């Protein structure tokens, strides 16, 4: 009887463990990009079993009032890794989180922060909160589980609990976190986080640097406008949603790509060419970006989306 009970207990414990996937295997390091401002740069590829779903750039800012996290990642495992990196630099509690937009690779790590700090304020644009409530969170859980073959198991939806919009300043003992949002960009719910005193701006997926991003839910002209705004913000350190932190080039190179695609499509549209006819004519103009991750897989859709946007602007 004791053997049966032992085996039953062992099986139950294994089932509990199986409900949550293993921690991240790779060692990631938080890089200090400005005084008290850290970024953990994720791999540039899509979510996969190899990267266990980690592929964004979580950031955190240490203030005397506590720690503020920006985009804690795609799963509870990534969120726990972010907290472990925070602990290497401070024992202060996490008091706030910013989610830059609805795509789950940036915010499903909320769970880990919330479980460790249940009183944490999690900020996001109201349209992001609405999308999550309408089912986007569940959809992203499924996407991450599928692409990683279960490496994000155990993650659950913990949405933002505090809405913020353009121009909102949140102060943490003298450190200002300014929210920037001006219409549809990468999505219709993107926020950028500007730290004026630190001269740092977190771009979210308004920009990738060395990596192309999907624009299915966004706007070329809106994305270009918001990146121009970031460049004019006074920041000198630019943290893209994917790719390395850098100077203004982390914003301007992606902006220039979007502009080149939009302008080229507009030119050929006016010659009455279709999107599939435009692609071979436009590709030679995009050589500067051809080595960026996912260029080959996304450039066709970018041209098609720009075509639809140009066409809509004609009416």
Protein backbone atom coordinates (compact mmCIF):
# COMPACT_ATOMS: atom_id res chain seq x y z
CA UNK A 1 0.00 0.00 0.00
CA UNK A 2 2.83 2.40 0.87
CA UNK A 3 4.45 1.70 -2.51
CA UNK A 4 1.18 2.50 -4.28
CA UNK A 5 0.83 5.77 -2.34
CA UNK A 6 4.45 6.67 -3.07
CA UNK A 7 4.00 6.04 -6.79
CA UNK A 8 0.76 8.04 -6.82
CA UNK A 9 2.46 10.93 -5.03
CA UNK A 10 5.42 10.78 -7.39
CA UNK A 11 3.12 10.77 -10.43
CA UNK A 12 1.14 13.70 -9.06
CA UNK A 13 4.31 15.69 -8.41
CA UNK A 14 5.52 15.00 -11.94
CA UNK A 15 2.19 16.19 -13.32
CA UNK A 16 2.48 19.42 -11.34
CA UNK A 17 6.00 19.96 -12.64
CA UNK A 18 4.83 19.22 -16.18
CA UNK A 19 2.28 22.02 -15.91
CA UNK A 20 5.11 24.54 -15.87
CA UNK A 21 7.97 24.37 -18.32
CA UNK A 22 11.61 24.62 -17.27
CA UNK A 23 13.38 27.94 -16.64
CA UNK A 24 15.35 29.55 -19.46
CA UNK A 25 18.48 27.56 -20.19
CA UNK A 26 20.63 30.33 -21.67
CA UNK A 27 22.37 32.88 -19.49
CA UNK A 28 21.26 36.44 -20.20
CA UNK A 29 22.88 39.54 -18.75
CA UNK A 30 21.33 42.92 -18.05
CA UNK A 31 23.38 45.66 -19.71
CA UNK A 32 23.41 49.11 -18.09
CA UNK A 33 22.64 51.51 -20.96
CA UNK A 34 22.35 54.63 -18.77
CA UNK A 35 22.69 55.35 -15.06
CA UNK A 36 20.34 52.90 -13.34
CA UNK A 37 18.74 51.82 -16.64
CA UNK A 38 19.24 48.20 -17.73
CA UNK A 39 18.26 46.19 -20.81
CA UNK A 40 18.31 42.41 -21.31
CA UNK A 41 18.72 41.96 -25.06
CA UNK A 42 16.91 38.89 -26.32
CA UNK A 43 17.72 36.85 -29.43
CA UNK A 44 16.47 38.40 -32.70
CA UNK A 45 14.65 35.35 -34.05
CA UNK A 46 11.02 34.34 -33.73
CA UNK A 47 9.86 32.35 -30.66
CA UNK A 48 11.19 28.81 -30.88
CA UNK A 49 11.99 25.78 -28.71
CA UNK A 50 15.65 26.89 -28.81
CA UNK A 51 15.08 30.39 -27.38
CA UNK A 52 12.12 29.17 -25.25
CA UNK A 53 10.11 32.13 -26.44
CA UNK A 54 12.52 34.82 -25.31
CA UNK A 55 13.17 37.32 -28.08
CA UNK A 56 12.31 40.83 -26.88
CA UNK A 57 14.28 43.45 -24.91
CA UNK A 58 13.02 43.65 -21.32
CA UNK A 59 14.26 46.70 -19.46
CA UNK A 60 14.28 47.87 -15.87
CA UNK A 61 15.05 51.12 -14.10
CA UNK A 62 16.29 51.26 -10.52
CA UNK A 63 14.95 54.25 -8.58
CA UNK A 64 15.02 55.07 -4.89
CA UNK A 65 11.29 54.31 -4.81
CA UNK A 66 11.71 50.86 -6.34
CA UNK A 67 12.21 49.15 -9.68
CA UNK A 68 10.24 49.85 -12.85
CA UNK A 69 10.17 47.09 -15.48
CA UNK A 70 9.44 47.69 -19.16
CA UNK A 71 8.13 44.73 -21.20
CA UNK A 72 8.91 41.72 -18.96
CA UNK A 73 8.79 39.24 -21.84
CA UNK A 74 6.81 36.43 -23.37
CA UNK A 75 6.22 33.98 -20.51
CA UNK A 76 6.37 33.39 -16.79
CA UNK A 77 9.82 31.86 -17.39
CA UNK A 78 11.10 35.02 -19.07
CA UNK A 79 9.56 37.16 -16.34
CA UNK A 80 11.33 35.12 -13.68
CA UNK A 81 14.62 35.56 -15.54
CA UNK A 82 14.03 39.33 -15.59
CA UNK A 83 13.42 39.35 -11.83
CA UNK A 84 16.59 37.32 -11.28
CA UNK A 85 18.53 39.95 -13.22
CA UNK A 86 16.90 42.73 -11.18
CA UNK A 87 18.05 40.99 -7.99
CA UNK A 88 21.67 41.08 -9.20
CA UNK A 89 21.54 44.87 -9.09
CA UNK A 90 19.15 45.77 -6.26
CA UNK A 91 16.97 44.32 -3.52
CA UNK A 92 14.33 47.02 -4.00
CA UNK A 93 10.82 45.82 -4.88
CA UNK A 94 9.30 46.12 -8.34
CA UNK A 95 6.72 48.87 -8.01
CA UNK A 96 5.63 49.34 -11.62
CA UNK A 97 5.59 47.66 -15.02
CA UNK A 98 5.00 49.18 -18.45
CA UNK A 99 3.63 47.09 -21.32
CA UNK A 100 4.38 48.79 -24.64
CA UNK A 101 1.70 47.02 -26.71
CA UNK A 102 -0.57 44.01 -26.99
CA UNK A 103 1.80 41.52 -28.64
CA UNK A 104 2.36 38.84 -26.04
CA UNK A 105 6.09 38.40 -26.55
CA UNK A 106 6.43 41.69 -24.64
CA UNK A 107 4.03 41.35 -21.70
CA UNK A 108 3.09 37.76 -20.77
CA UNK A 109 5.97 37.95 -18.28
CA UNK A 110 3.66 40.18 -16.18
CA UNK A 111 2.67 37.01 -14.37
CA UNK A 112 6.06 36.52 -12.73
CA UNK A 113 6.20 40.13 -11.53
CA UNK A 114 2.63 40.06 -10.22
CA UNK A 115 3.19 36.81 -8.34
CA UNK A 116 6.29 38.25 -6.66
CA UNK A 117 4.79 41.72 -6.07
CA UNK A 118 0.97 41.51 -5.98
CA UNK A 119 0.55 45.27 -5.42
CA UNK A 120 2.54 46.21 -8.54
CA UNK A 121 0.98 48.72 -10.93
CA UNK A 122 1.03 47.49 -14.51
CA UNK A 123 0.59 50.30 -17.03
CA UNK A 124 -0.60 50.00 -20.62
CA UNK A 125 -2.60 51.89 -23.20
CA UNK A 126 -6.37 51.42 -22.70
CA UNK A 127 -6.73 49.88 -26.15
CA UNK A 128 -4.21 47.21 -25.20
CA UNK A 129 -6.18 46.42 -22.06
CA UNK A 130 -9.33 46.20 -24.17
CA UNK A 131 -7.70 43.83 -26.67
CA UNK A 132 -6.51 41.54 -23.87
CA UNK A 133 -9.98 41.49 -22.36
CA UNK A 134 -11.39 40.59 -25.78
CA UNK A 135 -9.16 37.51 -26.01
CA UNK A 136 -5.80 38.64 -27.37
CA UNK A 137 -4.04 37.36 -24.24
CA UNK A 138 -5.38 33.82 -24.67
CA UNK A 139 -4.50 33.92 -28.36
CA UNK A 140 -0.93 34.90 -27.54
CA UNK A 141 -0.64 32.14 -24.94
CA UNK A 142 -1.58 29.66 -27.66
CA UNK A 143 0.82 31.20 -30.19
CA UNK A 144 3.74 31.05 -27.76
CA UNK A 145 2.96 27.47 -26.72
CA UNK A 146 2.76 26.39 -30.36
CA UNK A 147 5.92 28.14 -31.58
CA UNK A 148 8.01 27.00 -28.59
CA UNK A 149 6.61 23.45 -28.47
CA UNK A 150 5.46 23.96 -24.89
CA UNK A 151 8.46 25.85 -23.51
CA UNK A 152 6.18 28.59 -22.11
CA UNK A 153 3.84 26.19 -20.32
CA UNK A 154 2.59 27.48 -16.99
CA UNK A 155 2.13 31.02 -18.25
CA UNK A 156 -1.24 32.67 -17.67
CA UNK A 157 -2.70 36.00 -18.65
CA UNK A 158 -2.03 38.83 -16.20
CA UNK A 159 -3.17 42.01 -17.90
CA UNK A 160 -2.26 45.59 -17.11
CA UNK A 161 -4.30 47.14 -14.30
CA UNK A 162 -3.69 50.87 -14.92
CA UNK A 163 -4.41 52.71 -18.17
CA UNK A 164 -2.07 55.43 -19.48
CA UNK A 165 -2.11 57.56 -22.59
CA UNK A 166 -0.06 60.19 -24.37
CA UNK A 167 1.66 62.79 -22.22
CA UNK A 168 1.15 61.01 -18.91
CA UNK A 169 4.10 61.53 -16.56
CA UNK A 170 4.63 58.97 -13.80
CA UNK A 171 7.23 60.05 -11.28
CA UNK A 172 9.24 57.71 -9.10
CA UNK A 173 11.13 59.85 -6.58
CA UNK A 174 12.25 62.33 -9.18
CA UNK A 175 12.59 59.92 -12.11
CA UNK A 176 9.95 60.71 -14.74
CA UNK A 177 8.49 58.06 -17.02
CA UNK A 178 6.71 59.87 -19.84
CA UNK A 179 4.21 58.01 -22.00
CA UNK A 180 4.25 58.74 -25.74
CA UNK A 181 1.37 57.59 -27.95
CA UNK A 182 0.12 59.29 -31.10
CA UNK A 183 -2.34 57.13 -32.97
CA UNK A 184 -1.76 53.92 -34.90
CA UNK A 185 1.89 52.92 -35.25
CA UNK A 186 3.13 49.31 -35.00
CA UNK A 187 -0.37 48.68 -33.59
CA UNK A 188 -3.08 51.07 -32.41
CA UNK A 189 -2.02 50.65 -28.76
CA UNK A 190 1.75 51.27 -28.74
CA UNK A 191 3.31 53.40 -26.05
CA UNK A 192 6.92 54.53 -25.93
CA UNK A 193 8.48 55.30 -22.55
CA UNK A 194 10.70 58.36 -22.37
CA UNK A 195 12.96 59.00 -19.38
CA UNK A 196 13.81 62.68 -19.91
CA UNK A 197 16.43 62.94 -17.14
CA UNK A 198 18.17 59.77 -18.34
CA UNK A 199 17.82 60.70 -22.05
CA UNK A 200 16.55 57.17 -22.72
CA UNK A 201 13.52 56.14 -24.77
CA UNK A 202 12.04 52.65 -24.90
CA UNK A 203 10.60 52.35 -28.40
CA UNK A 204 8.72 49.09 -28.02
CA UNK A 205 7.99 47.58 -31.41
CA UNK A 206 7.80 50.95 -33.08
CA UNK A 207 11.31 49.92 -34.12
CA UNK A 208 13.43 46.87 -34.58
CA UNK A 209 17.16 47.28 -35.12
CA UNK A 210 18.65 44.57 -37.29
CA UNK A 211 15.29 42.79 -37.25
CA UNK A 212 12.14 43.35 -39.27
CA UNK A 213 8.77 43.53 -37.53
CA UNK A 214 5.25 42.70 -38.62
CA UNK A 215 2.99 45.63 -39.41
CA UNK A 216 -0.31 43.82 -39.95
CA UNK A 217 -2.07 45.83 -37.23
CA UNK A 218 -0.30 49.13 -37.82
CA UNK A 219 0.37 52.02 -40.15
CA UNK A 220 3.47 52.95 -42.13
CA UNK A 221 2.84 56.68 -41.88
CA UNK A 222 1.86 56.44 -38.21
CA UNK A 223 4.94 54.38 -37.37
CA UNK A 224 7.18 56.85 -39.21
CA UNK A 225 5.56 59.77 -37.38
CA UNK A 226 6.06 58.19 -33.96
CA UNK A 227 9.70 57.38 -34.65
CA UNK A 228 10.25 60.99 -35.74
CA UNK A 229 8.75 61.99 -32.43
CA UNK A 230 11.11 59.70 -30.53
CA UNK A 231 14.11 61.11 -32.38
CA UNK A 232 12.99 64.66 -31.51
CA UNK A 233 12.46 63.77 -27.82
CA UNK A 234 15.96 64.68 -26.67
CA UNK A 235 16.90 61.07 -26.00
CA UNK A 236 20.39 59.84 -26.82
CA UNK A 237 19.84 56.18 -25.91
CA UNK A 238 17.23 54.28 -27.94
CA UNK A 239 16.00 50.84 -26.87
CA UNK A 240 14.22 49.04 -29.74
CA UNK A 241 11.71 46.27 -29.17
CA UNK A 242 14.14 43.84 -30.81
CA UNK A 243 17.84 44.26 -31.55
CA UNK A 244 20.65 46.14 -29.82
CA UNK A 245 20.31 49.38 -27.90
CA UNK A 246 22.04 52.24 -29.70
CA UNK A 247 21.84 55.94 -30.48
CA UNK A 248 19.20 57.51 -32.74
CA UNK A 249 20.07 55.03 -35.48
CA UNK A 250 18.10 52.39 -33.56
CA UNK A 251 15.04 54.43 -34.53
CA UNK A 252 16.04 56.09 -37.78
CA UNK A 253 17.20 53.00 -39.68
CA UNK A 254 13.87 51.24 -39.25
CA UNK A 255 12.03 54.50 -39.94
CA UNK A 256 14.00 54.94 -43.16
CA UNK A 257 13.08 51.41 -44.21
CA UNK A 258 9.38 52.08 -43.64
CA UNK A 259 9.68 55.35 -45.58
CA UNK A 260 11.49 53.66 -48.46
CA UNK A 261 8.82 50.96 -48.73
CA UNK A 262 5.94 53.42 -48.51
CA UNK A 263 7.42 55.93 -50.97
CA UNK A 264 8.38 53.21 -53.44
CA UNK A 265 4.96 51.60 -53.31
CA UNK A 266 3.30 55.00 -53.76
CA UNK A 267 5.46 55.76 -56.79
CA UNK A 268 4.68 52.46 -58.50
CA UNK A 269 1.02 52.57 -57.45
CA UNK A 270 0.72 55.80 -59.38
CA UNK A 271 2.07 53.90 -62.40
CA UNK A 272 -0.89 51.54 -61.95
CA UNK A 273 1.22 48.53 -60.92
CA UNK A 274 -0.09 45.87 -58.54
CA UNK A 275 1.71 44.91 -55.34
CA UNK A 276 3.20 41.72 -56.82
CA UNK A 277 4.48 43.72 -59.77
CA UNK A 278 5.97 46.31 -57.42
CA UNK A 279 8.04 43.89 -55.36
CA UNK A 280 10.81 43.09 -57.91
CA UNK A 281 11.11 46.77 -58.80
CA UNK A 282 11.34 47.89 -55.18
CA UNK A 283 13.69 45.23 -53.80
CA UNK A 284 16.88 46.78 -55.30
CA UNK A 285 16.14 49.96 -53.31
CA UNK A 286 16.01 48.00 -50.05
CA UNK A 287 19.49 46.45 -50.18
CA UNK A 288 20.56 48.29 -47.01
CA UNK A 289 18.18 46.16 -44.97
CA UNK A 290 18.36 42.82 -46.78
CA UNK A 291 20.56 41.25 -44.07
CA UNK A 292 18.15 42.12 -41.27
CA UNK A 293 16.51 39.14 -39.56
CA UNK A 294 13.19 38.22 -41.23
CA UNK A 295 13.70 40.58 -44.17
CA UNK A 296 13.00 37.84 -46.73
CA UNK A 297 9.93 36.55 -44.93
CA UNK A 298 8.36 39.96 -44.26
CA UNK A 299 9.26 42.29 -47.12
CA UNK A 300 6.50 40.91 -49.34
CA UNK A 301 3.83 41.49 -46.70
CA UNK A 302 5.23 44.96 -46.01
CA UNK A 303 4.84 45.88 -49.68
CA UNK A 304 1.28 44.52 -49.72
CA UNK A 305 0.35 46.39 -46.53
CA UNK A 306 1.91 49.62 -47.82
CA UNK A 307 -0.08 49.15 -51.05
CA UNK A 308 -3.32 48.95 -49.08
CA UNK A 309 -2.39 52.03 -47.07
CA UNK A 310 -1.47 54.03 -50.19
CA UNK A 311 -4.67 52.90 -51.88
CA UNK A 312 -6.77 53.93 -48.87
CA UNK A 313 -5.14 57.36 -48.86
CA UNK A 314 -6.35 57.91 -52.43
CA UNK A 315 -9.99 57.85 -51.32
